[in-house]
Amino acid sequence: MRFYWSYKSLPELSDLPVAEQRAAGRRVNWQVHERWQTWAVYLAFLPFVLVCRWVGSFVGHEEIGTIVGVLISAAISGQIVVRMARSLLKPNNSGVDRK
């Protein structure tokens, strides 16, 4: 499984000029964040962050536990969101007029 850290690294955008990459990245970013699934992913990781904070409090470093939870959650949710963005960038094969 390949990790994509930004929209620039997506194979669907790699052959476009930089200006078009940015425009497509912004457009897809808005489209992804208009979906309820994106927000469900973000909310699903809230309990994980709280558990990491709780575990951190056992060793006397509540803040470090919170930071670790946020970093892990951000990495995983970022990959899920990029995967959803890739599905929006793929051409539609249904024959419907594309915008």
C-alpha atoms as a PDB file:
ATOM      1  CA  MET A   1       0.000   0.000   0.000  1.00  0.00           C
ATOM      2  CA  ARG A   2       1.418   3.347  -1.007  1.00  0.00           C
ATOM      3  CA  PHE A   3       1.114   6.430   1.213  1.00  0.00           C
ATOM      4  CA  TYR A   4       0.245   9.763  -0.375  1.00  0.00           C
ATOM      5  CA  TRP A   5       1.102  12.724   1.821  1.00  0.00           C
ATOM      6  CA  SER A   6      -0.284  15.428  -0.464  1.00  0.00           C
ATOM      7  CA  TYR A   7      -2.438  15.822  -3.528  1.00  0.00           C
ATOM      8  CA  LYS A   8       0.696  16.557  -5.588  1.00  0.00           C
ATOM      9  CA  SER A   9       1.907  12.993  -5.081  1.00  0.00           C
ATOM     10  CA  LEU A  10      -1.262  11.414  -6.480  1.00  0.00           C
ATOM     11  CA  PRO A  11      -0.709   9.572  -9.774  1.00  0.00           C
ATOM     12  CA  GLU A  12      -3.922  11.083 -11.179  1.00  0.00           C
ATOM     13  CA  LEU A  13      -2.414  14.570 -10.886  1.00  0.00           C
ATOM     14  CA  SER A  14       1.234  13.807 -11.621  1.00  0.00           C
ATOM     15  CA  ASP A  15       1.075  14.565 -15.346  1.00  0.00           C
ATOM     16  CA  LEU A  16      -0.668  17.945 -14.916  1.00  0.00           C
ATOM     17  CA  PRO A  17       1.096  21.307 -14.724  1.00  0.00           C
ATOM     18  CA  VAL A  18       1.583  22.718 -11.222  1.00  0.00           C
ATOM     19  CA  ALA A  19      -1.219  25.301 -11.559  1.00  0.00           C
ATOM     20  CA  GLU A  20      -3.697  22.634 -12.634  1.00  0.00           C
ATOM     21  CA  GLN A  21      -2.531  20.343  -9.820  1.00  0.00           C
ATOM     22  CA  ARG A  22      -3.286  23.064  -7.286  1.00  0.00           C
ATOM     23  CA  ALA A  23      -6.685  23.826  -8.808  1.00  0.00           C
ATOM     24  CA  ALA A  24      -7.655  20.144  -8.933  1.00  0.00           C
ATOM     25  CA  GLY A  25      -6.363  19.626  -5.385  1.00  0.00           C
ATOM     26  CA  ARG A  26      -8.447  22.520  -4.050  1.00  0.00           C
ATOM     27  CA  ARG A  27     -11.550  21.366  -5.937  1.00  0.00           C
ATOM     28  CA  VAL A  28     -11.225  17.789  -4.694  1.00  0.00           C
ATOM     29  CA  ASN A  29     -10.465  18.960  -1.155  1.00  0.00           C
ATOM     30  CA  TRP A  30     -13.760  20.848  -1.059  1.00  0.00           C
ATOM     31  CA  GLN A  31     -15.638  17.915  -2.565  1.00  0.00           C
ATOM     32  CA  VAL A  32     -14.192  15.474  -0.042  1.00  0.00           C
ATOM     33  CA  HIS A  33     -15.026  17.718   2.911  1.00  0.00           C
ATOM     34  CA  GLU A  34     -18.612  18.109   1.718  1.00  0.00           C
ATOM     35  CA  ARG A  35     -19.178  14.390   2.310  1.00  0.00           C
ATOM     36  CA  TRP A  36     -20.400  13.089   5.638  1.00  0.00           C
ATOM     37  CA  GLN A  37     -17.976  10.161   5.461  1.00  0.00           C
ATOM     38  CA  THR A  38     -15.015  12.508   5.860  1.00  0.00           C
ATOM     39  CA  TRP A  39     -16.414  14.000   9.032  1.00  0.00           C
ATOM     40  CA  ALA A  40     -17.285  10.521  10.315  1.00  0.00           C
ATOM     41  CA  VAL A  41     -13.620   9.532   9.888  1.00  0.00           C
ATOM     42  CA  TYR A  42     -12.509  12.591  11.855  1.00  0.00           C
ATOM     43  CA  LEU A  43     -15.022  11.934  14.638  1.00  0.00           C
ATOM     44  CA  ALA A  44     -14.137   8.246  14.794  1.00  0.00           C
ATOM     45  CA  PHE A  45     -10.617   9.104  15.903  1.00  0.00           C
ATOM     46  CA  LEU A  46     -11.695  11.360  18.767  1.00  0.00           C
ATOM     47  CA  PRO A  47     -12.071   8.408  21.200  1.00  0.00           C
ATOM     48  CA  PHE A  48      -8.606   7.184  20.131  1.00  0.00           C
ATOM     49  CA  VAL A  49      -7.077  10.541  21.058  1.00  0.00           C
ATOM     50  CA  LEU A  50      -8.847  10.455  24.427  1.00  0.00           C
ATOM     51  CA  VAL A  51      -7.597   6.916  25.100  1.00  0.00           C
ATOM     52  CA  CYS A  52      -4.032   7.979  24.253  1.00  0.00           C
ATOM     53  CA  ARG A  53      -4.426  10.920  26.646  1.00  0.00           C
ATOM     54  CA  TRP A  54      -5.673   8.541  29.334  1.00  0.00           C
ATOM     55  CA  VAL A  55      -2.742   6.158  28.762  1.00  0.00           C
ATOM     56  CA  GLY A  56      -0.365   9.114  28.867  1.00  0.00           C
ATOM     57  CA  SER A  57      -1.776  10.165  32.222  1.00  0.00           C
ATOM     58  CA  PHE A  58      -0.731   6.788  33.672  1.00  0.00           C
ATOM     59  CA  VAL A  59       2.904   7.544  32.963  1.00  0.00           C
ATOM     60  CA  GLY A  60       2.613  11.181  34.008  1.00  0.00           C
ATOM     61  CA  HIS A  61       2.649  12.707  30.530  1.00  0.00           C
ATOM     62  CA  GLU A  62      -0.942  13.461  29.578  1.00  0.00           C
ATOM     63  CA  GLU A  63       0.075  16.023  26.962  1.00  0.00           C
ATOM     64  CA  ILE A  64       2.504  13.646  25.245  1.00  0.00           C
ATOM     65  CA  GLY A  65      -0.190  10.966  25.098  1.00  0.00           C
ATOM     66  CA  THR A  66      -2.558  13.460  23.514  1.00  0.00           C
ATOM     67  CA  ILE A  67       0.036  14.523  20.946  1.00  0.00           C
ATOM     68  CA  VAL A  68       0.787  10.904  20.046  1.00  0.00           C
ATOM     69  CA  GLY A  69      -2.939  10.204  19.638  1.00  0.00           C
ATOM     70  CA  VAL A  70      -3.436  13.257  17.425  1.00  0.00           C
ATOM     71  CA  LEU A  71      -0.443  12.401  15.237  1.00  0.00           C
ATOM     72  CA  ILE A  72      -1.516   8.787  14.730  1.00  0.00           C
ATOM     73  CA  SER A  73      -5.112   9.840  14.071  1.00  0.00           C
ATOM     74  CA  ALA A  74      -4.045  12.540  11.613  1.00  0.00           C
ATOM     75  CA  ALA A  75      -1.843  10.133   9.650  1.00  0.00           C
ATOM     76  CA  ILE A  76      -4.508   7.446   9.371  1.00  0.00           C
ATOM     77  CA  SER A  77      -7.425   9.786   8.674  1.00  0.00           C
ATOM     78  CA  GLY A  78      -5.313  11.675   6.140  1.00  0.00           C
ATOM     79  CA  GLN A  79      -4.729   8.481   4.171  1.00  0.00           C
ATOM     80  CA  ILE A  80      -8.446   7.663   4.261  1.00  0.00           C
ATOM     81  CA  VAL A  81      -9.342  11.146   3.019  1.00  0.00           C
ATOM     82  CA  VAL A  82      -6.730  10.957   0.235  1.00  0.00           C
ATOM     83  CA  ARG A  83      -8.180   7.614  -0.832  1.00  0.00           C
ATOM     84  CA  MET A  84     -11.633   9.219  -1.043  1.00  0.00           C
ATOM     85  CA  ALA A  85     -10.123  12.094  -3.044  1.00  0.00           C
ATOM     86  CA  ARG A  86      -8.570   9.638  -5.492  1.00  0.00           C
ATOM     87  CA  SER A  87     -11.986   8.131  -6.119  1.00  0.00           C
ATOM     88  CA  LEU A  88     -13.246  11.597  -7.066  1.00  0.00           C
ATOM     89  CA  LEU A  89     -10.350  12.155  -9.461  1.00  0.00           C
ATOM     90  CA  LYS A  90     -10.891   8.952 -11.421  1.00  0.00           C
ATOM     91  CA  PRO A  91     -12.818   9.388 -14.674  1.00  0.00           C
ATOM     92  CA  ASN A  92     -16.471   8.503 -14.571  1.00  0.00           C
ATOM     93  CA  ASN A  93     -17.193   5.518 -16.804  1.00  0.00           C
ATOM     94  CA  SER A  94     -20.970   5.795 -16.596  1.00  0.00           C
ATOM     95  CA  GLY A  95     -21.275   8.055 -19.646  1.00  0.00           C
ATOM     96  CA  VAL A  96     -22.665  10.955 -17.630  1.00  0.00           C
ATOM     97  CA  ASP A  97     -21.427  14.413 -18.649  1.00  0.00           C
ATOM     98  CA  ARG A  98     -18.407  15.284 -16.511  1.00  0.00           C
ATOM     99  CA  LYS A  99     -17.867  18.740 -15.041  1.00  0.00           C
END
